Amino acid sequence: MQSLPVSPSIVGESLELRPLQATDFESLYSVASDPLIWAQHQSKTRYQEPVFREWFNEALTSKSALIVIERDSGKVVGSSRYYEYSEEGREVAIGYTFLSREKWGGNANRELKRLMLKHAFQWVDTVWFHVAGQNIRSQRAMEKIGGELSHKLIKPLTEGSQENYFYKVERATFEDRHSIINS
């Protein structure tokens, strides 16, 4: 599967996104080592170094993972990724997102998603977000950014299964909403 073209840098008001590099491991792990970040996640042990290292290596291999940097301080505050890009279907998913707890409840997630959506809509018409059924925090975040719940599916896991919620954002809706906000 192809990767969505990723810019060398996507700059917002308070955040900068750039492609993840091998040298980012320590700074990103310092964020990911907080067990509370993973409390509502299906991989509750991702705060452990070996588990996170496996995730990090997969993220590097994807060539579509981004590191999130706070512009004022230059501090790494999280990561996100594009995946399941379909040039033919003109769609992509955004996920694997996590932010440091200091960024929860503020504008960081909204700005991160807005920057990623704006970038993606140069190539696609639909962006999908897959959210675990037990991840209430991410479900609320999707509603805040205008994600529309499309459907739910049961996903088989190594141990058991998990209900996933599929949210989508359409380019036309995103552009309409942001033209009103910016006028």
N, C-alpha and C. Protein backbone atom coordinates (compact mmCIF):
# COMPACT_ATOMS: atom_id res chain seq x y z
N MET A 1 0.84 -1.18 0.00
CA MET A 1 0.00 0.00 0.00
C MET A 1 0.88 1.24 0.00
N GLN A 2 0.49 2.22 -0.77
CA GLN A 2 1.24 3.46 -0.86
C GLN A 2 1.11 4.27 0.42
N SER A 3 2.05 5.21 0.59
CA SER A 3 1.97 6.16 1.69
C SER A 3 1.48 7.49 1.15
N LEU A 4 0.73 8.20 1.98
CA LEU A 4 0.32 9.55 1.64
C LEU A 4 1.58 10.40 1.59
N PRO A 5 1.75 11.25 0.58
CA PRO A 5 2.92 12.14 0.56
C PRO A 5 2.95 13.00 1.83
N VAL A 6 4.08 12.99 2.52
CA VAL A 6 4.21 13.75 3.76
C VAL A 6 5.23 14.86 3.55
N SER A 7 4.84 16.07 3.90
CA SER A 7 5.71 17.23 3.78
C SER A 7 6.86 17.15 4.77
N PRO A 8 7.96 17.82 4.46
CA PRO A 8 9.07 17.84 5.41
C PRO A 8 8.67 18.50 6.73
N SER A 9 7.72 19.41 6.68
CA SER A 9 7.29 20.07 7.90
C SER A 9 5.90 20.66 7.68
N ILE A 10 5.05 20.49 8.68
CA ILE A 10 3.72 21.09 8.67
C ILE A 10 3.68 21.98 9.91
N VAL A 11 3.57 23.27 9.70
CA VAL A 11 3.68 24.22 10.81
C VAL A 11 2.35 24.86 11.10
N GLY A 12 1.96 24.83 12.37
CA GLY A 12 0.75 25.46 12.83
C GLY A 12 1.07 26.60 13.78
N GLU A 13 0.05 27.07 14.47
CA GLU A 13 0.24 28.18 15.39
C GLU A 13 1.14 27.80 16.57
N SER A 14 0.86 26.64 17.18
CA SER A 14 1.66 26.25 18.35
C SER A 14 2.39 24.92 18.16
N LEU A 15 2.09 24.20 17.09
CA LEU A 15 2.70 22.89 16.85
C LEU A 15 3.42 22.84 15.51
N GLU A 16 4.43 22.00 15.46
CA GLU A 16 5.10 21.67 14.19
C GLU A 16 5.11 20.16 14.08
N LEU A 17 4.78 19.67 12.90
CA LEU A 17 4.80 18.24 12.62
C LEU A 17 5.86 17.98 11.57
N ARG A 18 6.63 16.92 11.77
CA ARG A 18 7.61 16.52 10.76
C ARG A 18 7.71 15.01 10.78
N PRO A 19 8.21 14.42 9.68
CA PRO A 19 8.34 12.96 9.65
C PRO A 19 9.20 12.44 10.81
N LEU A 20 8.76 11.33 11.37
CA LEU A 20 9.46 10.66 12.46
C LEU A 20 10.81 10.15 11.96
N GLN A 21 11.85 10.31 12.78
CA GLN A 21 13.19 9.84 12.44
C GLN A 21 13.68 8.90 13.53
N ALA A 22 14.62 8.04 13.19
CA ALA A 22 15.17 7.08 14.16
C ALA A 22 15.74 7.79 15.39
N THR A 23 16.29 8.97 15.20
CA THR A 23 16.88 9.72 16.32
C THR A 23 15.84 10.30 17.28
N ASP A 24 14.56 10.16 16.97
CA ASP A 24 13.49 10.68 17.82
C ASP A 24 13.08 9.73 18.94
N PHE A 25 13.67 8.54 18.99
CA PHE A 25 13.19 7.53 19.94
C PHE A 25 13.17 8.05 21.37
N GLU A 26 14.29 8.53 21.89
CA GLU A 26 14.37 8.92 23.30
C GLU A 26 13.37 10.03 23.65
N SER A 27 13.31 11.06 22.81
CA SER A 27 12.40 12.17 23.13
C SER A 27 10.94 11.75 23.05
N LEU A 28 10.60 10.87 22.12
CA LEU A 28 9.22 10.42 22.02
C LEU A 28 8.89 9.41 23.12
N TYR A 29 9.85 8.57 23.46
CA TYR A 29 9.61 7.62 24.55
C TYR A 29 9.43 8.34 25.88
N SER A 30 10.07 9.48 26.06
CA SER A 30 9.88 10.24 27.31
C SER A 30 8.43 10.66 27.47
N VAL A 31 7.71 10.85 26.37
CA VAL A 31 6.27 11.13 26.41
C VAL A 31 5.50 9.83 26.59
N ALA A 32 5.82 8.83 25.81
CA ALA A 32 5.07 7.56 25.78
C ALA A 32 5.25 6.73 27.04
N SER A 33 6.24 7.02 27.86
CA SER A 33 6.49 6.22 29.06
C SER A 33 5.49 6.49 30.18
N ASP A 34 4.55 7.37 29.97
CA ASP A 34 3.50 7.67 30.95
C ASP A 34 2.38 6.64 30.82
N PRO A 35 2.20 5.76 31.82
CA PRO A 35 1.18 4.71 31.71
C PRO A 35 -0.24 5.25 31.53
N LEU A 36 -0.53 6.45 32.03
CA LEU A 36 -1.89 6.99 31.92
C LEU A 36 -2.27 7.31 30.48
N ILE A 37 -1.29 7.56 29.63
CA ILE A 37 -1.59 7.81 28.21
C ILE A 37 -2.27 6.59 27.58
N TRP A 38 -1.90 5.41 28.04
CA TRP A 38 -2.36 4.17 27.43
C TRP A 38 -3.51 3.50 28.19
N ALA A 39 -4.02 4.14 29.23
CA ALA A 39 -5.04 3.52 30.10
C ALA A 39 -6.30 3.12 29.35
N GLN A 40 -6.73 3.89 28.33
CA GLN A 40 -7.94 3.56 27.57
C GLN A 40 -7.61 2.93 26.22
N HIS A 41 -6.39 2.56 26.04
CA HIS A 41 -5.90 2.03 24.77
C HIS A 41 -5.87 0.50 24.81
N GLN A 42 -6.00 -0.14 23.64
CA GLN A 42 -5.95 -1.60 23.61
C GLN A 42 -4.56 -2.13 23.96
N SER A 43 -3.51 -1.33 23.74
CA SER A 43 -2.15 -1.73 24.11
C SER A 43 -1.76 -0.99 25.39
N LYS A 44 -2.29 -1.47 26.50
CA LYS A 44 -2.11 -0.79 27.78
C LYS A 44 -0.67 -0.81 28.29
N THR A 45 0.17 -1.67 27.72
CA THR A 45 1.57 -1.76 28.16
C THR A 45 2.53 -1.01 27.23
N ARG A 46 2.01 -0.17 26.36
CA ARG A 46 2.88 0.53 25.42
C ARG A 46 3.84 1.49 26.13
N TYR A 47 3.62 1.82 27.36
CA TYR A 47 4.53 2.66 28.11
C TYR A 47 5.84 1.93 28.44
N GLN A 48 5.84 0.60 28.33
CA GLN A 48 7.04 -0.18 28.59
C GLN A 48 7.98 -0.09 27.39
N GLU A 49 9.26 0.09 27.65
CA GLU A 49 10.23 0.36 26.58
C GLU A 49 10.24 -0.69 25.47
N PRO A 50 10.25 -1.99 25.75
CA PRO A 50 10.27 -2.96 24.63
C PRO A 50 9.00 -2.90 23.76
N VAL A 51 7.86 -2.68 24.40
CA VAL A 51 6.60 -2.59 23.66
C VAL A 51 6.59 -1.32 22.81
N PHE A 52 7.03 -0.22 23.40
CA PHE A 52 7.07 1.03 22.65
C PHE A 52 8.09 0.96 21.52
N ARG A 53 9.22 0.32 21.76
CA ARG A 53 10.24 0.21 20.70
C ARG A 53 9.68 -0.52 19.48
N GLU A 54 8.89 -1.56 19.71
CA GLU A 54 8.26 -2.28 18.59
C GLU A 54 7.31 -1.35 17.84
N TRP A 55 6.50 -0.59 18.57
CA TRP A 55 5.59 0.38 17.95
C TRP A 55 6.39 1.42 17.16
N PHE A 56 7.46 1.93 17.76
CA PHE A 56 8.29 2.96 17.13
C PHE A 56 8.89 2.45 15.82
N ASN A 57 9.41 1.22 15.83
CA ASN A 57 10.00 0.65 14.61
C ASN A 57 8.96 0.50 13.51
N GLU A 58 7.73 0.08 13.89
CA GLU A 58 6.65 0.00 12.90
C GLU A 58 6.30 1.39 12.36
N ALA A 59 6.30 2.38 13.24
CA ALA A 59 6.01 3.75 12.81
C ALA A 59 7.06 4.25 11.81
N LEU A 60 8.32 3.98 12.08
CA LEU A 60 9.39 4.36 11.15
C LEU A 60 9.23 3.68 9.81
N THR A 61 8.91 2.40 9.84
CA THR A 61 8.74 1.62 8.62
C THR A 61 7.58 2.14 7.78
N SER A 62 6.55 2.67 8.44
CA SER A 62 5.38 3.17 7.71
C SER A 62 5.70 4.35 6.80
N LYS A 63 6.74 5.10 7.13
CA LYS A 63 7.14 6.30 6.39
C LYS A 63 6.03 7.36 6.34
N SER A 64 5.06 7.25 7.24
CA SER A 64 3.98 8.25 7.27
C SER A 64 3.67 8.69 8.70
N ALA A 65 4.59 8.37 9.62
CA ALA A 65 4.42 8.79 11.01
C ALA A 65 5.04 10.17 11.19
N LEU A 66 4.41 10.95 12.04
CA LEU A 66 4.86 12.31 12.31
C LEU A 66 5.16 12.47 13.79
N ILE A 67 6.15 13.29 14.08
CA ILE A 67 6.42 13.66 15.46
C ILE A 67 5.81 15.03 15.67
N VAL A 68 5.27 15.26 16.85
CA VAL A 68 4.59 16.52 17.18
C VAL A 68 5.48 17.30 18.14
N ILE A 69 5.81 18.51 17.74
CA ILE A 69 6.72 19.35 18.51
C ILE A 69 6.02 20.65 18.89
N GLU A 70 6.15 21.03 20.15
CA GLU A 70 5.63 22.31 20.62
C GLU A 70 6.57 23.40 20.10
N ARG A 71 6.06 24.33 19.34
CA ARG A 71 6.91 25.32 18.68
C ARG A 71 7.64 26.23 19.66
N ASP A 72 6.95 26.69 20.70
CA ASP A 72 7.59 27.63 21.65
C ASP A 72 8.80 27.04 22.35
N SER A 73 8.68 25.78 22.78
CA SER A 73 9.75 25.17 23.58
C SER A 73 10.66 24.24 22.79
N GLY A 74 10.19 23.78 21.61
CA GLY A 74 10.94 22.79 20.85
C GLY A 74 10.81 21.39 21.43
N LYS A 75 9.92 21.23 22.40
CA LYS A 75 9.73 19.96 23.11
C LYS A 75 8.82 19.01 22.32
N VAL A 76 9.21 17.74 22.25
CA VAL A 76 8.38 16.71 21.63
C VAL A 76 7.20 16.45 22.57
N VAL A 77 5.97 16.48 22.00
CA VAL A 77 4.78 16.29 22.82
C VAL A 77 3.90 15.14 22.31
N GLY A 78 4.31 14.44 21.25
CA GLY A 78 3.50 13.32 20.78
C GLY A 78 3.82 12.90 19.37
N SER A 79 2.89 12.11 18.83
CA SER A 79 3.06 11.56 17.49
C SER A 79 1.69 11.22 16.90
N SER A 80 1.64 11.13 15.58
CA SER A 80 0.45 10.67 14.87
C SER A 80 0.91 10.08 13.55
N ARG A 81 -0.02 9.49 12.82
CA ARG A 81 0.37 8.80 11.59
C ARG A 81 -0.78 8.77 10.59
N TYR A 82 -0.42 8.82 9.31
CA TYR A 82 -1.35 8.52 8.23
C TYR A 82 -1.21 7.04 7.92
N TYR A 83 -2.31 6.38 7.59
CA TYR A 83 -2.23 4.97 7.19
C TYR A 83 -3.46 4.62 6.35
N GLU A 84 -3.40 3.44 5.73
CA GLU A 84 -4.47 2.96 4.85
C GLU A 84 -4.82 3.98 3.77
N TYR A 85 -3.79 4.56 3.16
CA TYR A 85 -3.99 5.52 2.07
C TYR A 85 -4.43 4.77 0.81
N SER A 86 -5.50 5.24 0.20
CA SER A 86 -5.97 4.69 -1.06
C SER A 86 -6.04 5.83 -2.08
N GLU A 87 -5.09 5.84 -3.00
CA GLU A 87 -5.11 6.87 -4.04
C GLU A 87 -6.37 6.73 -4.88
N GLU A 88 -6.72 5.50 -5.22
CA GLU A 88 -7.90 5.24 -6.04
C GLU A 88 -9.19 5.64 -5.31
N GLY A 89 -9.30 5.29 -4.04
CA GLY A 89 -10.49 5.61 -3.25
C GLY A 89 -10.49 7.03 -2.70
N ARG A 90 -9.36 7.71 -2.87
CA ARG A 90 -9.18 9.09 -2.39
C ARG A 90 -9.52 9.21 -0.91
N GLU A 91 -8.91 8.27 -0.12
CA GLU A 91 -9.12 8.30 1.33
C GLU A 91 -7.87 7.84 2.06
N VAL A 92 -7.81 8.22 3.33
CA VAL A 92 -6.70 7.86 4.20
C VAL A 92 -7.23 7.84 5.63
N ALA A 93 -6.51 7.16 6.50
CA ALA A 93 -6.84 7.17 7.92
C ALA A 93 -5.77 7.95 8.68
N ILE A 94 -6.17 8.57 9.75
CA ILE A 94 -5.25 9.23 10.68
C ILE A 94 -5.42 8.54 12.02
N GLY A 95 -4.31 8.19 12.63
CA GLY A 95 -4.40 7.53 13.92
C GLY A 95 -3.04 7.28 14.52
N TYR A 96 -3.00 6.31 15.45
CA TYR A 96 -1.80 6.03 16.23
C TYR A 96 -1.36 7.30 16.95
N THR A 97 -2.31 8.14 17.29
CA THR A 97 -2.02 9.45 17.86
C THR A 97 -1.94 9.37 19.38
N PHE A 98 -0.93 9.99 19.92
CA PHE A 98 -0.88 10.20 21.36
C PHE A 98 -0.18 11.52 21.64
N LEU A 99 -0.63 12.17 22.69
CA LEU A 99 -0.05 13.43 23.14
C LEU A 99 0.25 13.35 24.63
N SER A 100 1.23 14.12 25.07
CA SER A 100 1.55 14.17 26.49
C SER A 100 0.32 14.67 27.26
N ARG A 101 0.18 14.23 28.50
CA ARG A 101 -0.99 14.61 29.27
C ARG A 101 -1.12 16.12 29.44
N GLU A 102 -0.02 16.83 29.44
CA GLU A 102 -0.10 18.29 29.57
C GLU A 102 -0.83 18.93 28.39
N LYS A 103 -0.98 18.19 27.30
CA LYS A 103 -1.67 18.69 26.11
C LYS A 103 -3.12 18.23 26.03
N TRP A 104 -3.56 17.42 26.98
CA TRP A 104 -4.94 16.94 26.98
C TRP A 104 -5.90 18.07 27.33
N GLY A 105 -7.05 18.06 26.70
CA GLY A 105 -8.12 18.98 27.06
C GLY A 105 -7.95 20.39 26.53
N GLY A 106 -6.86 20.67 25.86
CA GLY A 106 -6.64 22.01 25.32
C GLY A 106 -6.81 22.01 23.81
N ASN A 107 -6.07 22.88 23.18
CA ASN A 107 -6.18 23.04 21.73
C ASN A 107 -5.21 22.15 20.94
N ALA A 108 -4.28 21.48 21.61
CA ALA A 108 -3.23 20.74 20.88
C ALA A 108 -3.80 19.66 19.97
N ASN A 109 -4.70 18.82 20.47
CA ASN A 109 -5.25 17.75 19.63
C ASN A 109 -6.04 18.33 18.46
N ARG A 110 -6.81 19.37 18.73
CA ARG A 110 -7.60 20.01 17.66
C ARG A 110 -6.67 20.59 16.59
N GLU A 111 -5.59 21.27 17.02
CA GLU A 111 -4.65 21.83 16.05
C GLU A 111 -3.93 20.72 15.28
N LEU A 112 -3.51 19.68 15.98
CA LEU A 112 -2.83 18.55 15.34
C LEU A 112 -3.71 17.95 14.25
N LYS A 113 -4.96 17.64 14.59
CA LYS A 113 -5.86 17.03 13.61
C LYS A 113 -6.18 17.99 12.47
N ARG A 114 -6.36 19.27 12.77
CA ARG A 114 -6.64 20.25 11.71
C ARG A 114 -5.47 20.32 10.73
N LEU A 115 -4.24 20.35 11.24
CA LEU A 115 -3.07 20.39 10.36
C LEU A 115 -2.97 19.13 9.51
N MET A 116 -3.21 17.98 10.12
CA MET A 116 -3.13 16.72 9.37
C MET A 116 -4.25 16.60 8.35
N LEU A 117 -5.46 17.04 8.72
CA LEU A 117 -6.58 17.01 7.77
C LEU A 117 -6.30 17.93 6.59
N LYS A 118 -5.87 19.14 6.87
CA LYS A 118 -5.59 20.10 5.80
C LYS A 118 -4.54 19.54 4.84
N HIS A 119 -3.50 18.93 5.39
CA HIS A 119 -2.46 18.32 4.55
C HIS A 119 -3.04 17.18 3.72
N ALA A 120 -3.81 16.29 4.36
CA ALA A 120 -4.37 15.12 3.67
C ALA A 120 -5.32 15.51 2.56
N PHE A 121 -6.10 16.56 2.77
CA PHE A 121 -7.11 16.95 1.78
C PHE A 121 -6.50 17.50 0.49
N GLN A 122 -5.19 17.60 0.42
CA GLN A 122 -4.54 17.91 -0.86
C GLN A 122 -4.62 16.70 -1.80
N TRP A 123 -4.80 15.49 -1.23
CA TRP A 123 -4.80 14.26 -2.02
C TRP A 123 -6.05 13.42 -1.90
N VAL A 124 -6.83 13.62 -0.84
CA VAL A 124 -7.98 12.75 -0.60
C VAL A 124 -9.25 13.57 -0.35
N ASP A 125 -10.39 12.89 -0.40
CA ASP A 125 -11.68 13.51 -0.12
C ASP A 125 -12.26 13.08 1.22
N THR A 126 -11.78 11.93 1.74
CA THR A 126 -12.29 11.39 3.00
C THR A 126 -11.13 10.97 3.89
N VAL A 127 -11.22 11.35 5.16
CA VAL A 127 -10.24 10.92 6.16
C VAL A 127 -10.99 10.14 7.23
N TRP A 128 -10.46 8.96 7.56
CA TRP A 128 -11.06 8.08 8.56
C TRP A 128 -10.26 8.11 9.84
N PHE A 129 -10.95 7.94 10.95
CA PHE A 129 -10.34 7.78 12.26
C PHE A 129 -10.95 6.53 12.88
N HIS A 130 -10.12 5.60 13.33
CA HIS A 130 -10.58 4.35 13.95
C HIS A 130 -10.34 4.48 15.45
N VAL A 131 -11.40 4.44 16.23
CA VAL A 131 -11.31 4.67 17.67
C VAL A 131 -11.85 3.45 18.41
N ALA A 132 -11.09 2.97 19.36
CA ALA A 132 -11.53 1.83 20.17
C ALA A 132 -12.79 2.20 20.95
N GLY A 133 -13.70 1.26 21.05
CA GLY A 133 -14.97 1.49 21.73
C GLY A 133 -14.81 1.94 23.17
N GLN A 134 -13.76 1.48 23.85
CA GLN A 134 -13.55 1.87 25.24
C GLN A 134 -12.81 3.19 25.39
N ASN A 135 -12.36 3.79 24.30
CA ASN A 135 -11.58 5.02 24.38
C ASN A 135 -12.51 6.25 24.30
N ILE A 136 -13.14 6.53 25.40
CA ILE A 136 -14.10 7.63 25.48
C ILE A 136 -13.43 8.97 25.19
N ARG A 137 -12.20 9.17 25.69
CA ARG A 137 -11.48 10.42 25.48
C ARG A 137 -11.31 10.71 23.98
N SER A 138 -10.92 9.70 23.21
CA SER A 138 -10.73 9.90 21.76
C SER A 138 -12.06 10.07 21.03
N GLN A 139 -13.11 9.40 21.50
CA GLN A 139 -14.42 9.59 20.89
C GLN A 139 -14.89 11.04 21.06
N ARG A 140 -14.71 11.58 22.25
CA ARG A 140 -15.09 12.98 22.49
C ARG A 140 -14.25 13.93 21.65
N ALA A 141 -12.96 13.61 21.53
CA ALA A 141 -12.08 14.45 20.71
C ALA A 141 -12.53 14.45 19.26
N MET A 142 -12.98 13.30 18.75
CA MET A 142 -13.46 13.22 17.37
C MET A 142 -14.69 14.10 17.19
N GLU A 143 -15.59 14.08 18.14
CA GLU A 143 -16.78 14.92 18.05
C GLU A 143 -16.41 16.40 18.05
N LYS A 144 -15.40 16.77 18.84
CA LYS A 144 -14.98 18.18 18.92
C LYS A 144 -14.41 18.69 17.59
N ILE A 145 -13.77 17.79 16.82
CA ILE A 145 -13.20 18.25 15.55
C ILE A 145 -14.14 18.04 14.37
N GLY A 146 -15.37 17.59 14.64
CA GLY A 146 -16.35 17.44 13.57
C GLY A 146 -16.37 16.07 12.92
N GLY A 147 -15.78 15.08 13.57
CA GLY A 147 -15.83 13.72 13.04
C GLY A 147 -17.25 13.18 13.13
N GLU A 148 -17.67 12.52 12.06
CA GLU A 148 -19.02 11.93 11.99
C GLU A 148 -18.90 10.43 12.18
N LEU A 149 -19.61 9.88 13.18
CA LEU A 149 -19.59 8.44 13.40
C LEU A 149 -20.28 7.76 12.22
N SER A 150 -19.53 6.96 11.50
CA SER A 150 -20.05 6.28 10.31
C SER A 150 -20.58 4.89 10.65
N HIS A 151 -19.78 4.10 11.36
CA HIS A 151 -20.18 2.74 11.69
C HIS A 151 -19.27 2.18 12.78
N LYS A 152 -19.64 1.00 13.27
CA LYS A 152 -18.85 0.29 14.28
C LYS A 152 -18.58 -1.11 13.76
N LEU A 153 -17.39 -1.63 14.06
CA LEU A 153 -17.03 -3.00 13.67
C LEU A 153 -16.30 -3.68 14.82
N ILE A 154 -16.42 -4.98 14.90
CA ILE A 154 -15.66 -5.77 15.86
C ILE A 154 -14.36 -6.19 15.17
N LYS A 155 -13.23 -5.87 15.80
CA LYS A 155 -11.91 -6.19 15.25
C LYS A 155 -11.31 -7.34 16.06
N PRO A 156 -10.95 -8.45 15.39
CA PRO A 156 -10.31 -9.54 16.13
C PRO A 156 -8.89 -9.13 16.56
N LEU A 157 -8.54 -9.45 17.79
CA LEU A 157 -7.21 -9.17 18.32
C LEU A 157 -6.53 -10.49 18.65
N THR A 158 -5.25 -10.44 18.97
CA THR A 158 -4.52 -11.65 19.35
C THR A 158 -5.24 -12.34 20.50
N GLU A 159 -5.69 -11.54 21.47
CA GLU A 159 -6.44 -12.08 22.60
C GLU A 159 -7.82 -11.42 22.62
N GLY A 160 -8.83 -12.09 22.10
CA GLY A 160 -10.19 -11.57 22.12
C GLY A 160 -10.51 -10.70 20.93
N SER A 161 -11.36 -9.70 21.17
CA SER A 161 -11.78 -8.78 20.11
C SER A 161 -12.05 -7.41 20.71
N GLN A 162 -12.26 -6.44 19.84
CA GLN A 162 -12.47 -5.07 20.28
C GLN A 162 -13.44 -4.39 19.33
N GLU A 163 -14.35 -3.62 19.88
CA GLU A 163 -15.25 -2.83 19.05
C GLU A 163 -14.53 -1.54 18.65
N ASN A 164 -14.52 -1.23 17.37
CA ASN A 164 -13.93 0.00 16.86
C ASN A 164 -15.02 0.89 16.28
N TYR A 165 -14.91 2.18 16.55
CA TYR A 165 -15.81 3.18 16.00
C TYR A 165 -15.09 3.83 14.82
N PHE A 166 -15.78 3.97 13.71
CA PHE A 166 -15.20 4.56 12.50
C PHE A 166 -15.81 5.95 12.30
N TYR A 167 -14.98 6.96 12.51
CA TYR A 167 -15.39 8.34 12.30
C TYR A 167 -14.80 8.80 10.97
N LYS A 168 -15.53 9.70 10.29
CA LYS A 168 -14.98 10.23 9.05
C LYS A 168 -15.15 11.74 9.01
N VAL A 169 -14.24 12.36 8.26
CA VAL A 169 -14.32 13.79 7.97
C VAL A 169 -14.19 13.91 6.46
N GLU A 170 -15.16 14.55 5.85
CA GLU A 170 -15.15 14.77 4.40
C GLU A 170 -14.52 16.12 4.08
N ARG A 171 -13.81 16.18 2.95
CA ARG A 171 -13.15 17.42 2.55
C ARG A 171 -14.14 18.58 2.46
N ALA A 172 -15.28 18.38 1.83
CA ALA A 172 -16.25 19.48 1.63
C ALA A 172 -16.74 20.01 2.98
N THR A 173 -17.03 19.12 3.91
CA THR A 173 -17.49 19.54 5.24
C THR A 173 -16.39 20.29 5.96
N PHE A 174 -15.17 19.79 5.89
CA PHE A 174 -14.02 20.42 6.55
C PHE A 174 -13.78 21.81 5.98
N GLU A 175 -13.79 21.93 4.64
CA GLU A 175 -13.56 23.24 4.01
C GLU A 175 -14.67 24.22 4.35
N ASP A 176 -15.93 23.76 4.32
CA ASP A 176 -17.06 24.64 4.67
C ASP A 176 -16.92 25.13 6.11
N ARG A 177 -16.63 24.22 7.00
CA ARG A 177 -16.52 24.56 8.42
C ARG A 177 -15.39 25.54 8.67
N HIS A 178 -14.24 25.34 8.01
CA HIS A 178 -13.11 26.22 8.24
C HIS A 178 -13.21 27.55 7.50
N SER A 179 -13.96 27.60 6.42
CA SER A 179 -14.16 28.90 5.76
C SER A 179 -15.05 29.79 6.61
N ILE A 180 -16.02 29.18 7.32
CA ILE A 180 -16.89 29.95 8.22
C ILE A 180 -16.07 30.44 9.42
N ILE A 181 -15.24 29.56 10.00
CA ILE A 181 -14.43 29.91 11.17
C ILE A 181 -13.44 31.02 10.82
N ASN A 182 -12.86 30.95 9.61
CA ASN A 182 -11.81 31.90 9.23
C ASN A 182 -12.33 33.17 8.57
N SER A 183 -13.66 33.34 8.44
CA SER A 183 -14.16 34.54 7.79
C SER A 183 -14.58 35.59 8.80
